[in-house]
Amino acid sequence: MSSSAANPTATAEPTKKVLLRTSDNEIFEVEESIAMEFGTVKSFLEDSPSSTNTVPLPNVSAQELPSVIEFCREHIKMRANADDDEEKKKRYNEGFVKEKSIGELAELLLVSNYLEIKNLLEVLNQAVADRIENKSVEYVRKFFGVENDYTPEEEAKLRQEYAWAHEGVDKD
């Protein structure tokens, strides 16, 4: 009995792989289905279909790519499984971003934007929005690394003029 007969889900043809080269010259071999989740890689492969070269990812480091690959792999599985509902996807997305630091979220945002992964970008943007919701101006400045360039007088005037924006703010 052949292996494909014993396993009806096995295919005679191996899954096509794509090589991705990060900015720090690490090579990742991923299934084509995952690579096609990356809009940037999809465009590259469509523009040069016969190319066997590695796809360069100059704006992606080896540190972030495994998380991105994991996210795409899980979302592909969930789309393929008709039993997976939106609640399961929501729980996965929340777990994916839960333990990420501000710096990790920022890096993943840049990577997902560069790679054109719309659903990951939406998840990360929501995670950032959730983390700054009802926070003080000082917290948001620190979160985004924005330096305060107002004089104390200018800031006091703005706080008085827009007092409503400072009401109900959570403690940092």
N, C-alpha and C. Protein backbone atom coordinates (compact mmCIF):
# COMPACT_ATOMS: atom_id res chain seq x y z
N MET A 1 0.84 -1.17 0.00
CA MET A 1 0.00 0.00 0.00
C MET A 1 0.89 1.24 0.00
N SER A 2 0.63 2.17 -0.89
CA SER A 2 1.45 3.37 -0.96
C SER A 2 1.09 4.32 0.17
N SER A 3 1.99 5.26 0.43
CA SER A 3 1.75 6.19 1.52
C SER A 3 0.56 7.09 1.25
N SER A 4 0.31 7.41 -0.03
CA SER A 4 -0.84 8.26 -0.33
C SER A 4 -2.14 7.50 -0.17
N ALA A 5 -2.13 6.20 -0.36
CA ALA A 5 -3.34 5.40 -0.16
C ALA A 5 -3.62 5.27 1.34
N ALA A 6 -2.58 5.14 2.14
CA ALA A 6 -2.75 5.02 3.58
C ALA A 6 -3.18 6.35 4.18
N ASN A 7 -2.77 7.42 3.57
CA ASN A 7 -3.11 8.75 4.06
C ASN A 7 -3.77 9.52 2.93
N PRO A 8 -5.11 9.58 2.91
CA PRO A 8 -5.79 10.23 1.80
C PRO A 8 -5.50 11.71 1.67
N THR A 9 -5.00 12.34 2.73
CA THR A 9 -4.68 13.77 2.62
C THR A 9 -3.30 14.00 2.06
N ALA A 10 -2.48 12.96 1.96
CA ALA A 10 -1.14 13.11 1.40
C ALA A 10 -1.25 13.33 -0.09
N THR A 11 -0.38 14.15 -0.61
CA THR A 11 -0.37 14.40 -2.05
C THR A 11 0.91 13.84 -2.63
N ALA A 12 0.84 13.52 -3.91
CA ALA A 12 2.00 12.98 -4.59
C ALA A 12 3.04 14.07 -4.80
N GLU A 13 2.57 15.29 -4.85
CA GLU A 13 3.46 16.42 -5.13
C GLU A 13 3.83 17.11 -3.81
N PRO A 14 5.12 17.31 -3.56
CA PRO A 14 5.52 17.99 -2.32
C PRO A 14 5.08 19.46 -2.34
N THR A 15 4.90 20.01 -1.17
CA THR A 15 4.52 21.41 -1.06
C THR A 15 5.66 22.28 -1.55
N LYS A 16 5.33 23.23 -2.42
CA LYS A 16 6.34 24.13 -2.94
C LYS A 16 6.82 25.07 -1.83
N LYS A 17 8.12 25.29 -1.78
CA LYS A 17 8.73 26.13 -0.76
C LYS A 17 9.26 27.42 -1.38
N VAL A 18 9.31 28.45 -0.56
CA VAL A 18 9.85 29.74 -0.98
C VAL A 18 10.93 30.12 0.03
N LEU A 19 12.04 30.62 -0.48
CA LEU A 19 13.13 31.07 0.39
C LEU A 19 13.03 32.58 0.57
N LEU A 20 13.11 33.01 1.83
CA LEU A 20 13.04 34.42 2.17
C LEU A 20 14.35 34.83 2.85
N ARG A 21 14.96 35.91 2.38
CA ARG A 21 16.21 36.40 2.97
C ARG A 21 15.92 37.70 3.72
N THR A 22 16.20 37.69 5.02
CA THR A 22 15.95 38.88 5.84
C THR A 22 17.07 39.90 5.68
N SER A 23 16.87 41.06 6.28
CA SER A 23 17.86 42.13 6.19
C SER A 23 19.19 41.75 6.84
N ASP A 24 19.15 40.82 7.80
CA ASP A 24 20.38 40.36 8.46
C ASP A 24 20.86 39.04 7.86
N ASN A 25 20.48 38.79 6.61
CA ASN A 25 20.94 37.67 5.79
C ASN A 25 20.60 36.28 6.33
N GLU A 26 19.53 36.17 7.09
CA GLU A 26 19.03 34.86 7.50
C GLU A 26 18.08 34.37 6.41
N ILE A 27 18.12 33.08 6.15
CA ILE A 27 17.26 32.48 5.14
C ILE A 27 16.17 31.67 5.85
N PHE A 28 14.93 31.90 5.43
CA PHE A 28 13.79 31.15 5.95
C PHE A 28 13.13 30.44 4.79
N GLU A 29 12.88 29.17 4.96
CA GLU A 29 12.16 28.39 3.95
C GLU A 29 10.74 28.20 4.45
N VAL A 30 9.77 28.72 3.69
CA VAL A 30 8.37 28.62 4.09
C VAL A 30 7.55 28.03 2.95
N GLU A 31 6.39 27.48 3.33
CA GLU A 31 5.48 26.96 2.32
C GLU A 31 5.01 28.12 1.44
N GLU A 32 4.78 27.84 0.19
CA GLU A 32 4.33 28.87 -0.74
C GLU A 32 3.04 29.52 -0.25
N SER A 33 2.15 28.74 0.35
CA SER A 33 0.87 29.29 0.83
C SER A 33 1.11 30.39 1.87
N ILE A 34 2.10 30.23 2.70
CA ILE A 34 2.42 31.25 3.70
C ILE A 34 3.05 32.46 3.02
N ALA A 35 3.99 32.23 2.13
CA ALA A 35 4.65 33.32 1.41
C ALA A 35 3.64 34.16 0.64
N MET A 36 2.59 33.52 0.13
CA MET A 36 1.59 34.25 -0.64
C MET A 36 0.69 35.11 0.25
N GLU A 37 0.76 34.94 1.55
CA GLU A 37 0.05 35.82 2.49
C GLU A 37 0.73 37.18 2.56
N PHE A 38 1.99 37.23 2.20
CA PHE A 38 2.78 38.47 2.22
C PHE A 38 2.59 39.15 0.87
N GLY A 39 1.85 40.25 0.84
CA GLY A 39 1.59 40.94 -0.43
C GLY A 39 2.86 41.29 -1.18
N THR A 40 3.89 41.70 -0.46
CA THR A 40 5.16 42.07 -1.07
C THR A 40 5.81 40.87 -1.76
N VAL A 41 5.80 39.72 -1.08
CA VAL A 41 6.39 38.51 -1.65
C VAL A 41 5.55 38.00 -2.81
N LYS A 42 4.24 38.05 -2.66
CA LYS A 42 3.33 37.62 -3.73
C LYS A 42 3.61 38.42 -5.00
N SER A 43 3.75 39.73 -4.89
CA SER A 43 4.06 40.58 -6.04
C SER A 43 5.39 40.20 -6.66
N PHE A 44 6.38 39.96 -5.81
CA PHE A 44 7.71 39.58 -6.28
C PHE A 44 7.62 38.28 -7.08
N LEU A 45 6.91 37.29 -6.53
CA LEU A 45 6.81 35.99 -7.20
C LEU A 45 5.99 36.06 -8.48
N GLU A 46 4.96 36.90 -8.49
CA GLU A 46 4.15 37.05 -9.70
C GLU A 46 4.92 37.78 -10.80
N ASP A 47 5.79 38.72 -10.40
CA ASP A 47 6.58 39.48 -11.38
C ASP A 47 7.71 38.65 -11.97
N SER A 48 8.18 37.65 -11.25
CA SER A 48 9.26 36.79 -11.75
C SER A 48 8.95 35.33 -11.39
N PRO A 49 7.92 34.75 -12.05
CA PRO A 49 7.47 33.40 -11.70
C PRO A 49 8.49 32.29 -11.93
N SER A 50 9.36 32.45 -12.87
CA SER A 50 10.33 31.38 -13.16
C SER A 50 11.59 31.52 -12.32
N SER A 51 11.67 32.59 -11.56
CA SER A 51 12.86 32.84 -10.75
C SER A 51 12.95 31.83 -9.61
N THR A 52 14.13 31.28 -9.44
CA THR A 52 14.37 30.37 -8.32
C THR A 52 15.17 31.07 -7.24
N ASN A 53 15.36 32.36 -7.40
CA ASN A 53 16.12 33.13 -6.43
C ASN A 53 15.37 33.26 -5.12
N THR A 54 16.11 33.59 -4.12
CA THR A 54 15.55 33.87 -2.82
C THR A 54 14.90 35.25 -2.85
N VAL A 55 13.76 35.38 -2.17
CA VAL A 55 13.06 36.65 -2.12
C VAL A 55 13.72 37.52 -1.05
N PRO A 56 14.25 38.68 -1.44
CA PRO A 56 14.89 39.55 -0.45
C PRO A 56 13.84 40.34 0.34
N LEU A 57 14.04 40.42 1.65
CA LEU A 57 13.16 41.20 2.52
C LEU A 57 14.03 42.22 3.27
N PRO A 58 14.43 43.30 2.58
CA PRO A 58 15.37 44.25 3.18
C PRO A 58 14.86 44.99 4.41
N ASN A 59 13.55 45.03 4.62
CA ASN A 59 13.00 45.74 5.77
C ASN A 59 12.48 44.80 6.86
N VAL A 60 12.94 43.55 6.83
CA VAL A 60 12.49 42.55 7.80
C VAL A 60 13.71 41.88 8.42
N SER A 61 13.74 41.82 9.75
CA SER A 61 14.84 41.14 10.40
C SER A 61 14.43 39.72 10.79
N ALA A 62 15.42 38.90 11.06
CA ALA A 62 15.17 37.50 11.44
C ALA A 62 14.47 37.42 12.79
N GLN A 63 14.51 38.46 13.56
CA GLN A 63 13.86 38.46 14.88
C GLN A 63 12.34 38.47 14.76
N GLU A 64 11.79 39.23 13.83
CA GLU A 64 10.34 39.35 13.70
C GLU A 64 9.71 38.31 12.79
N LEU A 65 10.44 37.85 11.79
CA LEU A 65 9.84 36.98 10.77
C LEU A 65 9.21 35.70 11.33
N PRO A 66 9.79 35.01 12.30
CA PRO A 66 9.13 33.80 12.81
C PRO A 66 7.73 34.06 13.37
N SER A 67 7.54 35.18 14.05
CA SER A 67 6.21 35.52 14.58
C SER A 67 5.23 35.77 13.45
N VAL A 68 5.68 36.44 12.41
CA VAL A 68 4.83 36.72 11.26
C VAL A 68 4.44 35.42 10.55
N ILE A 69 5.40 34.54 10.39
CA ILE A 69 5.14 33.24 9.75
C ILE A 69 4.13 32.45 10.58
N GLU A 70 4.34 32.43 11.89
CA GLU A 70 3.42 31.71 12.79
C GLU A 70 2.00 32.25 12.67
N PHE A 71 1.87 33.58 12.69
CA PHE A 71 0.56 34.22 12.57
C PHE A 71 -0.12 33.80 11.27
N CYS A 72 0.59 33.89 10.17
CA CYS A 72 0.01 33.55 8.86
C CYS A 72 -0.35 32.07 8.80
N ARG A 73 0.51 31.21 9.32
CA ARG A 73 0.24 29.76 9.31
C ARG A 73 -1.05 29.45 10.07
N GLU A 74 -1.20 30.05 11.24
CA GLU A 74 -2.41 29.81 12.05
C GLU A 74 -3.65 30.34 11.36
N HIS A 75 -3.55 31.50 10.74
CA HIS A 75 -4.73 32.05 10.04
C HIS A 75 -5.10 31.22 8.82
N ILE A 76 -4.12 30.66 8.14
CA ILE A 76 -4.41 29.77 7.01
C ILE A 76 -5.14 28.54 7.52
N LYS A 77 -4.67 27.96 8.63
CA LYS A 77 -5.33 26.79 9.22
C LYS A 77 -6.77 27.11 9.61
N MET A 78 -6.96 28.26 10.23
CA MET A 78 -8.32 28.63 10.66
C MET A 78 -9.25 28.84 9.47
N ARG A 79 -8.74 29.42 8.39
CA ARG A 79 -9.57 29.61 7.19
C ARG A 79 -9.93 28.26 6.57
N ALA A 80 -8.99 27.31 6.64
CA ALA A 80 -9.22 26.00 6.04
C ALA A 80 -10.17 25.13 6.87
N ASN A 81 -10.24 25.38 8.16
CA ASN A 81 -11.09 24.58 9.04
C ASN A 81 -12.44 25.28 9.19
N ALA A 82 -13.45 24.69 8.59
CA ALA A 82 -14.78 25.28 8.61
C ALA A 82 -15.35 25.37 10.03
N ASP A 83 -14.84 24.54 10.95
CA ASP A 83 -15.34 24.55 12.33
C ASP A 83 -14.80 25.74 13.14
N ASP A 84 -13.72 26.36 12.68
CA ASP A 84 -13.15 27.48 13.40
C ASP A 84 -14.03 28.71 13.20
N ASP A 85 -14.42 29.32 14.28
CA ASP A 85 -15.29 30.48 14.20
C ASP A 85 -14.52 31.77 14.50
N GLU A 86 -15.21 32.86 14.40
CA GLU A 86 -14.59 34.16 14.64
C GLU A 86 -14.08 34.29 16.07
N GLU A 87 -14.78 33.64 17.02
CA GLU A 87 -14.35 33.71 18.42
C GLU A 87 -12.98 33.06 18.61
N LYS A 88 -12.75 31.95 17.92
CA LYS A 88 -11.45 31.27 18.02
C LYS A 88 -10.35 32.16 17.43
N LYS A 89 -10.66 32.79 16.30
CA LYS A 89 -9.69 33.68 15.66
C LYS A 89 -9.39 34.87 16.58
N LYS A 90 -10.43 35.41 17.22
CA LYS A 90 -10.25 36.53 18.13
C LYS A 90 -9.36 36.13 19.30
N ARG A 91 -9.60 34.95 19.88
CA ARG A 91 -8.78 34.48 21.01
C ARG A 91 -7.32 34.29 20.58
N TYR A 92 -7.12 33.74 19.38
CA TYR A 92 -5.74 33.56 18.89
C TYR A 92 -5.07 34.92 18.73
N ASN A 93 -5.75 35.86 18.10
CA ASN A 93 -5.18 37.19 17.86
C ASN A 93 -4.82 37.89 19.18
N GLU A 94 -5.72 37.80 20.15
CA GLU A 94 -5.45 38.42 21.46
C GLU A 94 -4.24 37.77 22.13
N GLY A 95 -4.15 36.44 22.05
CA GLY A 95 -3.00 35.74 22.62
C GLY A 95 -1.71 36.08 21.91
N PHE A 96 -1.79 36.29 20.61
CA PHE A 96 -0.61 36.61 19.80
C PHE A 96 0.03 37.92 20.24
N VAL A 97 -0.79 38.91 20.56
CA VAL A 97 -0.24 40.23 20.92
C VAL A 97 -0.11 40.44 22.42
N LYS A 98 -0.72 39.58 23.22
CA LYS A 98 -0.81 39.79 24.66
C LYS A 98 0.54 40.04 25.33
N GLU A 99 1.51 39.20 25.07
CA GLU A 99 2.80 39.28 25.76
C GLU A 99 3.84 40.12 25.01
N LYS A 100 3.44 40.73 23.92
CA LYS A 100 4.39 41.52 23.14
C LYS A 100 4.62 42.87 23.81
N SER A 101 5.87 43.28 23.83
CA SER A 101 6.23 44.60 24.38
C SER A 101 5.87 45.68 23.37
N ILE A 102 5.95 46.92 23.83
CA ILE A 102 5.70 48.06 22.94
C ILE A 102 6.66 48.02 21.75
N GLY A 103 7.93 47.74 22.02
CA GLY A 103 8.93 47.68 20.96
C GLY A 103 8.65 46.57 19.97
N GLU A 104 8.23 45.41 20.48
CA GLU A 104 7.90 44.28 19.59
C GLU A 104 6.70 44.62 18.72
N LEU A 105 5.67 45.24 19.32
CA LEU A 105 4.50 45.64 18.53
C LEU A 105 4.90 46.63 17.44
N ALA A 106 5.75 47.59 17.79
CA ALA A 106 6.18 48.59 16.81
C ALA A 106 6.93 47.93 15.66
N GLU A 107 7.85 47.03 15.98
CA GLU A 107 8.61 46.34 14.92
C GLU A 107 7.69 45.48 14.05
N LEU A 108 6.77 44.75 14.69
CA LEU A 108 5.84 43.92 13.93
C LEU A 108 4.92 44.76 13.05
N LEU A 109 4.54 45.94 13.53
CA LEU A 109 3.73 46.85 12.70
C LEU A 109 4.49 47.25 11.44
N LEU A 110 5.75 47.61 11.60
CA LEU A 110 6.56 47.99 10.44
C LEU A 110 6.70 46.83 9.46
N VAL A 111 6.95 45.64 10.01
CA VAL A 111 7.13 44.45 9.17
C VAL A 111 5.83 44.10 8.44
N SER A 112 4.72 44.10 9.17
CA SER A 112 3.45 43.72 8.54
C SER A 112 3.03 44.75 7.49
N ASN A 113 3.35 46.01 7.72
CA ASN A 113 3.07 47.03 6.73
C ASN A 113 3.93 46.81 5.49
N TYR A 114 5.22 46.59 5.67
CA TYR A 114 6.12 46.36 4.54
C TYR A 114 5.72 45.11 3.75
N LEU A 115 5.37 44.04 4.48
CA LEU A 115 5.01 42.79 3.81
C LEU A 115 3.58 42.78 3.29
N GLU A 116 2.82 43.82 3.61
CA GLU A 116 1.43 43.97 3.16
C GLU A 116 0.56 42.79 3.63
N ILE A 117 0.58 42.55 4.94
CA ILE A 117 -0.24 41.50 5.53
C ILE A 117 -1.38 42.21 6.26
N LYS A 118 -2.48 42.41 5.55
CA LYS A 118 -3.58 43.24 6.03
C LYS A 118 -4.14 42.76 7.36
N ASN A 119 -4.43 41.46 7.50
CA ASN A 119 -5.05 41.01 8.74
C ASN A 119 -4.11 41.14 9.94
N LEU A 120 -2.82 40.93 9.77
CA LEU A 120 -1.87 41.12 10.86
C LEU A 120 -1.77 42.60 11.21
N LEU A 121 -1.75 43.45 10.21
CA LEU A 121 -1.69 44.89 10.44
C LEU A 121 -2.91 45.35 11.25
N GLU A 122 -4.09 44.82 10.92
CA GLU A 122 -5.30 45.18 11.66
C GLU A 122 -5.22 44.73 13.12
N VAL A 123 -4.72 43.52 13.35
CA VAL A 123 -4.59 42.98 14.71
C VAL A 123 -3.61 43.84 15.52
N LEU A 124 -2.49 44.19 14.92
CA LEU A 124 -1.48 44.98 15.62
C LEU A 124 -1.95 46.40 15.89
N ASN A 125 -2.62 47.00 14.91
CA ASN A 125 -3.16 48.35 15.12
C ASN A 125 -4.17 48.36 16.26
N GLN A 126 -5.02 47.33 16.32
CA GLN A 126 -6.00 47.24 17.39
C GLN A 126 -5.31 47.06 18.74
N ALA A 127 -4.24 46.28 18.77
CA ALA A 127 -3.49 46.07 20.01
C ALA A 127 -2.90 47.38 20.52
N VAL A 128 -2.35 48.18 19.62
CA VAL A 128 -1.80 49.48 20.01
C VAL A 128 -2.92 50.40 20.49
N ALA A 129 -4.04 50.43 19.77
CA ALA A 129 -5.17 51.27 20.18
C ALA A 129 -5.67 50.86 21.57
N ASP A 130 -5.75 49.56 21.83
CA ASP A 130 -6.19 49.08 23.13
C ASP A 130 -5.23 49.50 24.24
N ARG A 131 -3.94 49.50 23.94
CA ARG A 131 -2.94 49.84 24.96
C ARG A 131 -2.88 51.32 25.29
N ILE A 132 -3.31 52.18 24.37
CA ILE A 132 -3.26 53.61 24.66
C ILE A 132 -4.64 54.19 24.99
N GLU A 133 -5.68 53.39 24.91
CA GLU A 133 -7.02 53.87 25.20
C GLU A 133 -7.10 54.40 26.64
N ASN A 134 -7.67 55.59 26.78
CA ASN A 134 -7.87 56.26 28.09
C ASN A 134 -6.56 56.52 28.84
N LYS A 135 -5.47 56.65 28.12
CA LYS A 135 -4.19 56.93 28.77
C LYS A 135 -3.87 58.42 28.68
N SER A 136 -3.00 58.86 29.54
CA SER A 136 -2.62 60.27 29.58
C SER A 136 -1.75 60.64 28.38
N VAL A 137 -1.65 61.94 28.17
CA VAL A 137 -0.79 62.46 27.11
C VAL A 137 0.64 61.99 27.34
N GLU A 138 1.08 62.03 28.60
CA GLU A 138 2.45 61.62 28.92
C GLU A 138 2.68 60.15 28.58
N TYR A 139 1.71 59.31 28.89
CA TYR A 139 1.83 57.88 28.58
C TYR A 139 1.93 57.66 27.07
N VAL A 140 1.07 58.34 26.33
CA VAL A 140 1.06 58.17 24.86
C VAL A 140 2.37 58.69 24.26
N ARG A 141 2.86 59.80 24.78
CA ARG A 141 4.16 60.32 24.30
C ARG A 141 5.26 59.28 24.53
N LYS A 142 5.27 58.72 25.74
CA LYS A 142 6.29 57.72 26.06
C LYS A 142 6.12 56.47 25.19
N PHE A 143 4.87 56.04 25.01
CA PHE A 143 4.57 54.85 24.21
C PHE A 143 5.14 54.99 22.80
N PHE A 144 4.93 56.16 22.19
CA PHE A 144 5.39 56.37 20.82
C PHE A 144 6.76 57.02 20.72
N GLY A 145 7.37 57.32 21.85
CA GLY A 145 8.69 57.94 21.84
C GLY A 145 8.67 59.36 21.33
N VAL A 146 7.62 60.10 21.66
CA VAL A 146 7.48 61.48 21.20
C VAL A 146 7.97 62.42 22.30
N GLU A 147 8.86 63.30 21.94
CA GLU A 147 9.40 64.26 22.89
C GLU A 147 8.45 65.45 23.02
N ASN A 148 8.26 65.92 24.25
CA ASN A 148 7.40 67.08 24.49
C ASN A 148 8.18 68.34 24.13
N ASP A 149 7.71 69.06 23.12
CA ASP A 149 8.41 70.28 22.71
C ASP A 149 7.64 71.54 23.09
N TYR A 150 6.63 71.41 23.95
CA TYR A 150 5.90 72.57 24.45
C TYR A 150 6.61 73.14 25.67
N THR A 151 6.53 74.43 25.80
CA THR A 151 7.00 75.05 27.04
C THR A 151 5.95 74.74 28.11
N PRO A 152 6.30 74.83 29.39
CA PRO A 152 5.31 74.60 30.44
C PRO A 152 4.09 75.53 30.31
N GLU A 153 4.31 76.74 29.87
CA GLU A 153 3.21 77.70 29.70
C GLU A 153 2.29 77.27 28.56
N GLU A 154 2.89 76.87 27.43
CA GLU A 154 2.09 76.42 26.29
C GLU A 154 1.27 75.18 26.65
N GLU A 155 1.90 74.26 27.35
CA GLU A 155 1.20 73.04 27.73
C GLU A 155 0.06 73.34 28.69
N ALA A 156 0.28 74.21 29.66
CA ALA A 156 -0.77 74.58 30.61
C ALA A 156 -1.96 75.21 29.89
N LYS A 157 -1.67 76.07 28.92
CA LYS A 157 -2.74 76.72 28.15
C LYS A 157 -3.54 75.67 27.37
N LEU A 158 -2.84 74.73 26.73
CA LEU A 158 -3.53 73.69 25.97
C LEU A 158 -4.35 72.78 26.88
N ARG A 159 -3.81 72.44 28.03
CA ARG A 159 -4.55 71.60 28.99
C ARG A 159 -5.82 72.30 29.47
N GLN A 160 -5.74 73.62 29.65
CA GLN A 160 -6.92 74.38 30.07
C GLN A 160 -7.93 74.45 28.92
N GLU A 161 -7.44 74.73 27.73
CA GLU A 161 -8.30 74.87 26.56
C GLU A 161 -8.99 73.55 26.20
N TYR A 162 -8.29 72.43 26.39
CA TYR A 162 -8.84 71.12 26.04
C TYR A 162 -8.96 70.23 27.28
N ALA A 163 -9.49 70.82 28.35
CA ALA A 163 -9.62 70.10 29.62
C ALA A 163 -10.44 68.81 29.46
N TRP A 164 -11.44 68.84 28.59
CA TRP A 164 -12.29 67.67 28.37
C TRP A 164 -11.48 66.46 27.91
N ALA A 165 -10.37 66.68 27.22
CA ALA A 165 -9.55 65.57 26.71
C ALA A 165 -8.76 64.88 27.82
N HIS A 166 -8.68 65.52 28.95
CA HIS A 166 -7.89 64.97 30.07
C HIS A 166 -8.77 64.38 31.16
N GLU A 167 -10.09 64.40 30.95
CA GLU A 167 -11.03 63.85 31.92
C GLU A 167 -11.15 62.33 31.74
N GLY A 168 -11.26 61.62 32.83
CA GLY A 168 -11.48 60.17 32.78
C GLY A 168 -10.30 59.38 32.28
N VAL A 169 -9.12 59.94 32.39
CA VAL A 169 -7.90 59.26 31.93
C VAL A 169 -7.46 58.26 33.00
N ASP A 170 -7.10 57.05 32.56
CA ASP A 170 -6.60 56.03 33.48
C ASP A 170 -5.27 56.45 34.07
N LYS A 171 -4.97 55.91 35.25
CA LYS A 171 -3.64 56.13 35.82
C LYS A 171 -2.65 55.31 35.01
N ASP A 172 -1.50 55.88 34.76
CA ASP A 172 -0.48 55.21 33.93
C ASP A 172 0.16 54.06 34.66
